[in-house]
C-alpha atoms as a PDB file:
ATOM      1  CA  MET A   1      90.361 100.683  87.002  1.00  0.00           C
ATOM      2  CA  SER A   2      87.873 100.829  83.667  1.00  0.00           C
ATOM      3  CA  ASN A   3      85.293  98.011  85.032  1.00  0.00           C
ATOM      4  CA  SER A   4      84.167 100.097  88.351  1.00  0.00           C
ATOM      5  CA  PRO A   5      80.223 101.462  87.293  1.00  0.00           C
ATOM      6  CA  SER A   6      80.039 104.336  85.899  1.00  0.00           C
ATOM      7  CA  ILE A   7      79.052 106.771  88.011  1.00  0.00           C
ATOM      8  CA  ARG A   8      74.940 107.796  86.697  1.00  0.00           C
ATOM      9  CA  ALA A   9      74.237 110.359  90.062  1.00  0.00           C
ATOM     10  CA  VAL A  10      75.337 112.207  92.709  1.00  0.00           C
ATOM     11  CA  PHE A  11      74.082 113.180  96.077  1.00  0.00           C
ATOM     12  CA  GLY A  12      75.123 116.452  97.763  1.00  0.00           C
ATOM     13  CA  LEU A  13      74.401 115.360 101.556  1.00  0.00           C
ATOM     14  CA  GLY A  14      73.122 118.154 103.681  1.00  0.00           C
ATOM     15  CA  ASN A  15      70.460 120.016 105.047  1.00  0.00           C
ATOM     16  CA  PRO A  16      67.770 122.770 103.733  1.00  0.00           C
ATOM     17  CA  GLY A  17      67.230 126.219 104.253  1.00  0.00           C
ATOM     18  CA  PRO A  18      69.040 129.078 104.514  1.00  0.00           C
ATOM     19  CA  GLU A  19      69.266 128.745 107.868  1.00  0.00           C
ATOM     20  CA  HIS A  20      71.606 125.924 107.419  1.00  0.00           C
ATOM     21  CA  ALA A  21      73.417 126.936 104.161  1.00  0.00           C
ATOM     22  CA  ARG A  22      76.806 127.970 105.764  1.00  0.00           C
ATOM     23  CA  GLN A  23      76.960 125.120 108.211  1.00  0.00           C
ATOM     24  CA  ARG A  24      79.875 122.323 107.493  1.00  0.00           C
ATOM     25  CA  HIS A  25      77.119 119.736 108.055  1.00  0.00           C
ATOM     26  CA  ASN A  26      76.226 120.900 104.589  1.00  0.00           C
ATOM     27  CA  ALA A  27      79.728 121.013 102.758  1.00  0.00           C
ATOM     28  CA  GLY A  28      77.586 117.634 100.815  1.00  0.00           C
ATOM     29  CA  PHE A  29      75.388 120.457  99.363  1.00  0.00           C
ATOM     30  CA  TRP A  30      78.079 122.275  98.741  1.00  0.00           C
ATOM     31  CA  PHE A  31      79.493 119.603  95.894  1.00  0.00           C
ATOM     32  CA  ALA A  32      76.278 119.403  94.480  1.00  0.00           C
ATOM     33  CA  ASP A  33      75.890 123.049  93.814  1.00  0.00           C
ATOM     34  CA  ALA A  34      79.932 123.912  92.468  1.00  0.00           C
ATOM     35  CA  LEU A  35      79.199 121.015  89.965  1.00  0.00           C
ATOM     36  CA  ALA A  36      75.673 121.719  89.056  1.00  0.00           C
ATOM     37  CA  GLU A  37      77.148 125.342  88.570  1.00  0.00           C
ATOM     38  CA  GLN A  38      80.354 124.115  86.508  1.00  0.00           C
ATOM     39  CA  LEU A  39      78.442 121.372  84.569  1.00  0.00           C
ATOM     40  CA  GLY A  40      75.284 124.145  83.733  1.00  0.00           C
ATOM     41  CA  VAL A  41      72.877 121.884  85.754  1.00  0.00           C
ATOM     42  CA  ARG A  42      69.726 123.739  87.717  1.00  0.00           C
ATOM     43  CA  LEU A  43      68.300 121.365  90.099  1.00  0.00           C
ATOM     44  CA  LEU A  44      64.537 121.716  90.452  1.00  0.00           C
ATOM     45  CA  HIS A  45      62.184 120.428  93.578  1.00  0.00           C
ATOM     46  CA  GLU A  46      60.681 117.526  92.789  1.00  0.00           C
ATOM     47  CA  SER A  47      58.754 116.462  96.046  1.00  0.00           C
ATOM     48  CA  LYS A  48      57.933 113.280  94.801  1.00  0.00           C
ATOM     49  CA  LEU A  49      61.803 112.729  95.658  1.00  0.00           C
ATOM     50  CA  ASN A  50      62.183 114.555  98.377  1.00  0.00           C
ATOM     51  CA  ALA A  51      64.483 116.478  96.265  1.00  0.00           C
ATOM     52  CA  GLU A  52      65.843 118.256  94.282  1.00  0.00           C
ATOM     53  CA  VAL A  53      67.144 116.812  91.051  1.00  0.00           C
ATOM     54  CA  GLY A  54      69.270 118.357  88.096  1.00  0.00           C
ATOM     55  CA  LYS A  55      69.828 116.134  84.664  1.00  0.00           C
ATOM     56  CA  ALA A  56      73.340 117.101  83.369  1.00  0.00           C
ATOM     57  CA  PRO A  57      74.416 116.053  79.966  1.00  0.00           C
ATOM     58  CA  GLY A  58      74.821 112.259  79.320  1.00  0.00           C
ATOM     59  CA  GLY A  59      72.242 111.982  81.756  1.00  0.00           C
ATOM     60  CA  LEU A  60      73.665 112.153  84.869  1.00  0.00           C
ATOM     61  CA  LEU A  61      71.883 113.302  88.559  1.00  0.00           C
ATOM     62  CA  LEU A  62      72.552 115.427  90.302  1.00  0.00           C
ATOM     63  CA  VAL A  63      70.583 115.813  93.605  1.00  0.00           C
ATOM     64  CA  LYS A  64      70.037 117.297  96.742  1.00  0.00           C
ATOM     65  CA  PRO A  65      67.778 116.119  99.753  1.00  0.00           C
ATOM     66  CA  THR A  66      65.029 118.050 100.759  1.00  0.00           C
ATOM     67  CA  THR A  67      64.647 115.560 103.715  1.00  0.00           C
ATOM     68  CA  TYR A  68      67.521 116.977 106.744  1.00  0.00           C
ATOM     69  CA  MET A  69      70.607 115.219 106.849  1.00  0.00           C
ATOM     70  CA  ASN A  70      69.651 112.162 109.147  1.00  0.00           C
ATOM     71  CA  LYS A  71      66.527 110.903 106.846  1.00  0.00           C
ATOM     72  CA  SER A  72      68.908 111.372 103.416  1.00  0.00           C
ATOM     73  CA  GLY A  73      68.274 108.131 102.484  1.00  0.00           C
ATOM     74  CA  ILE A  74      64.618 108.440 101.797  1.00  0.00           C
ATOM     75  CA  ALA A  75      65.251 110.693  98.948  1.00  0.00           C
ATOM     76  CA  VAL A  76      68.386 108.667  98.067  1.00  0.00           C
ATOM     77  CA  SER A  77      66.575 105.434  97.647  1.00  0.00           C
ATOM     78  CA  ALA A  78      63.321 107.654  96.338  1.00  0.00           C
ATOM     79  CA  VAL A  79      65.993 108.445  93.518  1.00  0.00           C
ATOM     80  CA  LEU A  80      68.123 105.437  92.555  1.00  0.00           C
ATOM     81  CA  ASN A  81      64.333 103.537  92.790  1.00  0.00           C
ATOM     82  CA  TYR A  82      62.569 106.258  90.735  1.00  0.00           C
ATOM     83  CA  TYR A  83      65.642 106.936  87.758  1.00  0.00           C
ATOM     84  CA  LYS A  84      66.365 102.299  88.046  1.00  0.00           C
ATOM     85  CA  ILE A  85      70.256 103.216  89.027  1.00  0.00           C
ATOM     86  CA  ASP A  86      72.020 100.610  91.071  1.00  0.00           C
ATOM     87  CA  PRO A  87      73.329 102.115  94.086  1.00  0.00           C
ATOM     88  CA  SER A  88      76.861 100.493  93.337  1.00  0.00           C
ATOM     89  CA  GLU A  89      76.210 103.904  90.363  1.00  0.00           C
ATOM     90  CA  ALA A  90      76.049 106.499  92.764  1.00  0.00           C
ATOM     91  CA  LEU A  91      78.673 108.913  94.617  1.00  0.00           C
ATOM     92  CA  ILE A  92      77.197 109.917  98.567  1.00  0.00           C
ATOM     93  CA  VAL A  93      79.202 112.974  99.244  1.00  0.00           C
ATOM     94  CA  HIS A  94      79.055 114.068 102.592  1.00  0.00           C
ATOM     95  CA  ASP A  95      80.610 115.799 105.590  1.00  0.00           C
ATOM     96  CA  GLU A  96      83.817 114.119 107.111  1.00  0.00           C
ATOM     97  CA  LEU A  97      84.864 114.607 110.703  1.00  0.00           C
ATOM     98  CA  ASP A  98      87.508 112.288 110.744  1.00  0.00           C
ATOM     99  CA  LEU A  99      89.714 113.957 107.723  1.00  0.00           C
ATOM    100  CA  PRO A 100      90.797 117.886 108.031  1.00  0.00           C
ATOM    101  CA  PRO A 101      89.293 120.844 105.955  1.00  0.00           C
ATOM    102  CA  GLY A 102      91.360 120.597 102.855  1.00  0.00           C
ATOM    103  CA  VAL A 103      91.478 116.619 102.518  1.00  0.00           C
ATOM    104  CA  ALA A 104      88.780 114.979 100.606  1.00  0.00           C
ATOM    105  CA  ARG A 105      88.727 110.884 100.262  1.00  0.00           C
ATOM    106  CA  LEU A 106      86.999 108.651  98.044  1.00  0.00           C
ATOM    107  CA  LYS A 107      86.042 104.985  98.469  1.00  0.00           C
ATOM    108  CA  PHE A 108      83.383 101.846  98.753  1.00  0.00           C
ATOM    109  CA  ASP A 109      81.390 100.732 100.966  1.00  0.00           C
ATOM    110  CA  GLY A 110      82.125 100.141 104.752  1.00  0.00           C
ATOM    111  CA  GLY A 111      80.110 101.649 107.274  1.00  0.00           C
ATOM    112  CA  HIS A 112      78.714 104.883 108.375  1.00  0.00           C
ATOM    113  CA  GLY A 113      81.334 106.688 110.978  1.00  0.00           C
ATOM    114  CA  GLY A 114      78.731 107.600 112.883  1.00  0.00           C
ATOM    115  CA  GLN A 115      77.526 110.384 110.385  1.00  0.00           C
ATOM    116  CA  ASN A 116      73.676 110.301 110.007  1.00  0.00           C
ATOM    117  CA  GLY A 117      73.205 110.754 106.077  1.00  0.00           C
ATOM    118  CA  LEU A 118      75.082 107.690 105.345  1.00  0.00           C
ATOM    119  CA  ARG A 119      73.635 105.670 108.165  1.00  0.00           C
ATOM    120  CA  ASP A 120      69.951 106.839 107.112  1.00  0.00           C
ATOM    121  CA  THR A 121      70.869 105.635 103.487  1.00  0.00           C
ATOM    122  CA  MET A 122      72.492 102.314 104.270  1.00  0.00           C
ATOM    123  CA  ALA A 123      69.455 102.268 106.101  1.00  0.00           C
ATOM    124  CA  GLN A 124      66.745 102.663 103.536  1.00  0.00           C
ATOM    125  CA  LEU A 125      69.204 100.401 100.884  1.00  0.00           C
ATOM    126  CA  GLY A 126      70.011  97.323 103.574  1.00  0.00           C
ATOM    127  CA  HIS A 127      73.690  97.582 103.019  1.00  0.00           C
ATOM    128  CA  GLY A 128      76.717 100.492 102.099  1.00  0.00           C
ATOM    129  CA  LYS A 129      77.367  99.884  98.763  1.00  0.00           C
ATOM    130  CA  PHE A 130      78.366 102.833  97.092  1.00  0.00           C
ATOM    131  CA  TYR A 131      80.690 105.569  96.445  1.00  0.00           C
ATOM    132  CA  ARG A 132      80.867 108.034  99.500  1.00  0.00           C
ATOM    133  CA  LEU A 133      83.187 111.355  98.463  1.00  0.00           C
ATOM    134  CA  ARG A 134      84.363 112.168 101.958  1.00  0.00           C
ATOM    135  CA  ILE A 135      84.832 116.061 102.733  1.00  0.00           C
ATOM    136  CA  GLY A 136      86.853 117.393 105.448  1.00  0.00           C
ATOM    137  CA  ILE A 137      85.397 119.463 107.934  1.00  0.00           C
ATOM    138  CA  GLY A 138      87.979 118.193 110.508  1.00  0.00           C
ATOM    139  CA  HIS A 139      86.935 117.237 114.671  1.00  0.00           C
ATOM    140  CA  PRO A 140      86.760 119.768 117.336  1.00  0.00           C
ATOM    141  CA  GLY A 141      88.323 117.512 119.889  1.00  0.00           C
ATOM    142  CA  ARG A 142      86.082 116.228 121.798  1.00  0.00           C
ATOM    143  CA  LYS A 143      83.067 114.512 121.447  1.00  0.00           C
ATOM    144  CA  GLU A 144      80.323 116.401 123.336  1.00  0.00           C
ATOM    145  CA  LEU A 145      81.312 119.192 121.467  1.00  0.00           C
ATOM    146  CA  VAL A 146      80.569 116.962 117.539  1.00  0.00           C
ATOM    147  CA  THR A 147      76.731 118.627 117.550  1.00  0.00           C
ATOM    148  CA  PRO A 148      77.703 122.474 117.806  1.00  0.00           C
ATOM    149  CA  TRP A 149      80.580 121.887 116.041  1.00  0.00           C
ATOM    150  CA  VAL A 150      78.955 120.419 112.302  1.00  0.00           C
ATOM    151  CA  LEU A 151      76.344 122.869 112.889  1.00  0.00           C
ATOM    152  CA  GLY A 152      78.516 125.586 112.599  1.00  0.00           C
ATOM    153  CA  ARG A 153      79.887 127.394 110.506  1.00  0.00           C
ATOM    154  CA  PRO A 154      83.482 127.328 109.316  1.00  0.00           C
ATOM    155  CA  SER A 155      86.308 130.145 110.103  1.00  0.00           C
ATOM    156  CA  VAL A 156      87.448 131.600 107.049  1.00  0.00           C
ATOM    157  CA  THR A 157      90.509 129.765 106.331  1.00  0.00           C
ATOM    158  CA  ASP A 158      88.767 126.350 107.123  1.00  0.00           C
ATOM    159  CA  ASP A 159      85.969 127.113 104.920  1.00  0.00           C
ATOM    160  CA  GLN A 160      88.567 128.003 101.522  1.00  0.00           C
ATOM    161  CA  ALA A 161      89.973 124.441 102.677  1.00  0.00           C
ATOM    162  CA  ILE A 162      87.046 122.824 102.230  1.00  0.00           C
ATOM    163  CA  ARG A 163      86.863 124.593  99.182  1.00  0.00           C
ATOM    164  CA  SER A 164      89.888 123.692  97.399  1.00  0.00           C
ATOM    165  CA  ALA A 165      88.869 120.297  98.460  1.00  0.00           C
ATOM    166  CA  ILE A 166      85.744 120.023  96.583  1.00  0.00           C
ATOM    167  CA  ASP A 167      87.381 121.636  93.581  1.00  0.00           C
ATOM    168  CA  ALA A 168      89.844 118.661  93.707  1.00  0.00           C
ATOM    169  CA  ALA A 169      87.161 116.165  93.959  1.00  0.00           C
ATOM    170  CA  ILE A 170      85.623 118.390  90.754  1.00  0.00           C
ATOM    171  CA  ALA A 171      88.716 118.378  88.970  1.00  0.00           C
ATOM    172  CA  VAL A 172      89.080 114.434  89.036  1.00  0.00           C
ATOM    173  CA  PHE A 173      85.177 114.054  88.898  1.00  0.00           C
ATOM    174  CA  PRO A 174      84.926 113.207  85.229  1.00  0.00           C
ATOM    175  CA  LEU A 175      87.391 110.124  85.312  1.00  0.00           C
ATOM    176  CA  CYS A 176      84.090 109.314  88.364  1.00  0.00           C
ATOM    177  CA  ARG A 177      81.596 109.685  85.013  1.00  0.00           C
ATOM    178  CA  GLU A 178      83.906 106.743  83.089  1.00  0.00           C
ATOM    179  CA  GLY A 179      84.257 104.402  85.822  1.00  0.00           C
ATOM    180  CA  ALA A 180      87.898 105.056  86.330  1.00  0.00           C
ATOM    181  CA  MET A 181      87.337 105.179  90.217  1.00  0.00           C
ATOM    182  CA  GLU A 182      90.819 104.063  91.363  1.00  0.00           C
ATOM    183  CA  ARG A 183      92.544 106.318  89.084  1.00  0.00           C
ATOM    184  CA  ALA A 184      90.520 109.296  90.264  1.00  0.00           C
ATOM    185  CA  MET A 185      91.057 107.796  94.101  1.00  0.00           C
ATOM    186  CA  THR A 186      94.623 107.356  92.744  1.00  0.00           C
ATOM    187  CA  LEU A 187      94.732 111.130  91.836  1.00  0.00           C
ATOM    188  CA  LEU A 188      92.617 113.217  94.316  1.00  0.00           C
ATOM    189  CA  HIS A 189      94.813 111.350  97.727  1.00  0.00           C
ATOM    190  CA  THR A 190      97.575 112.062  96.646  1.00  0.00           C
ATOM    191  CA  PRO A 191      98.934 115.170  97.790  1.00  0.00           C
ATOM    192  CA  GLN A 192      99.517 118.096  95.210  1.00  0.00           C
ATOM    193  CA  LYS A 193     102.589 119.538  95.410  1.00  0.00           C
ATOM    194  CA  GLN A 194     102.631 122.849  95.610  1.00  0.00           C
END
């Protein structure tokens, strides 16, 4: 499908600071960092936008909010407004409890599913009409274990699986840039033969 809007801004959600760097909740930051490295982009702090921002060739923005996860919408809204980008041209990348490590899924619109970064982004924008890249981190099994789980570090095996999912998402990202979201979804969501 080529009539989807092309992605003009990628927002990797997470919590700032070295103490949070390896936590599952920072899977969105991991994606943004990996994409920035692949594109040769350096992110610089933009205090007026509450974010680190980098510009890739072709005008693509890579963004890591410097707010905490539950205030991500402040940075998302500020960047979209400042650069005059429609939310439908944004990709919000976040950790996803409902997907196992090693799985990444693209989707458009929908609810926040309890993800606080999405919740705040939707509150700031007044809707959820933007693309999401959900990076699976797995679920601890019980609701009361969710907070320590997302703020904990993955096992070596889970970390490798999460990194593989990020690599798979980066491999289809050029299609997102072109507005071929359906094709990107098909490729990302189809299990690869070993």
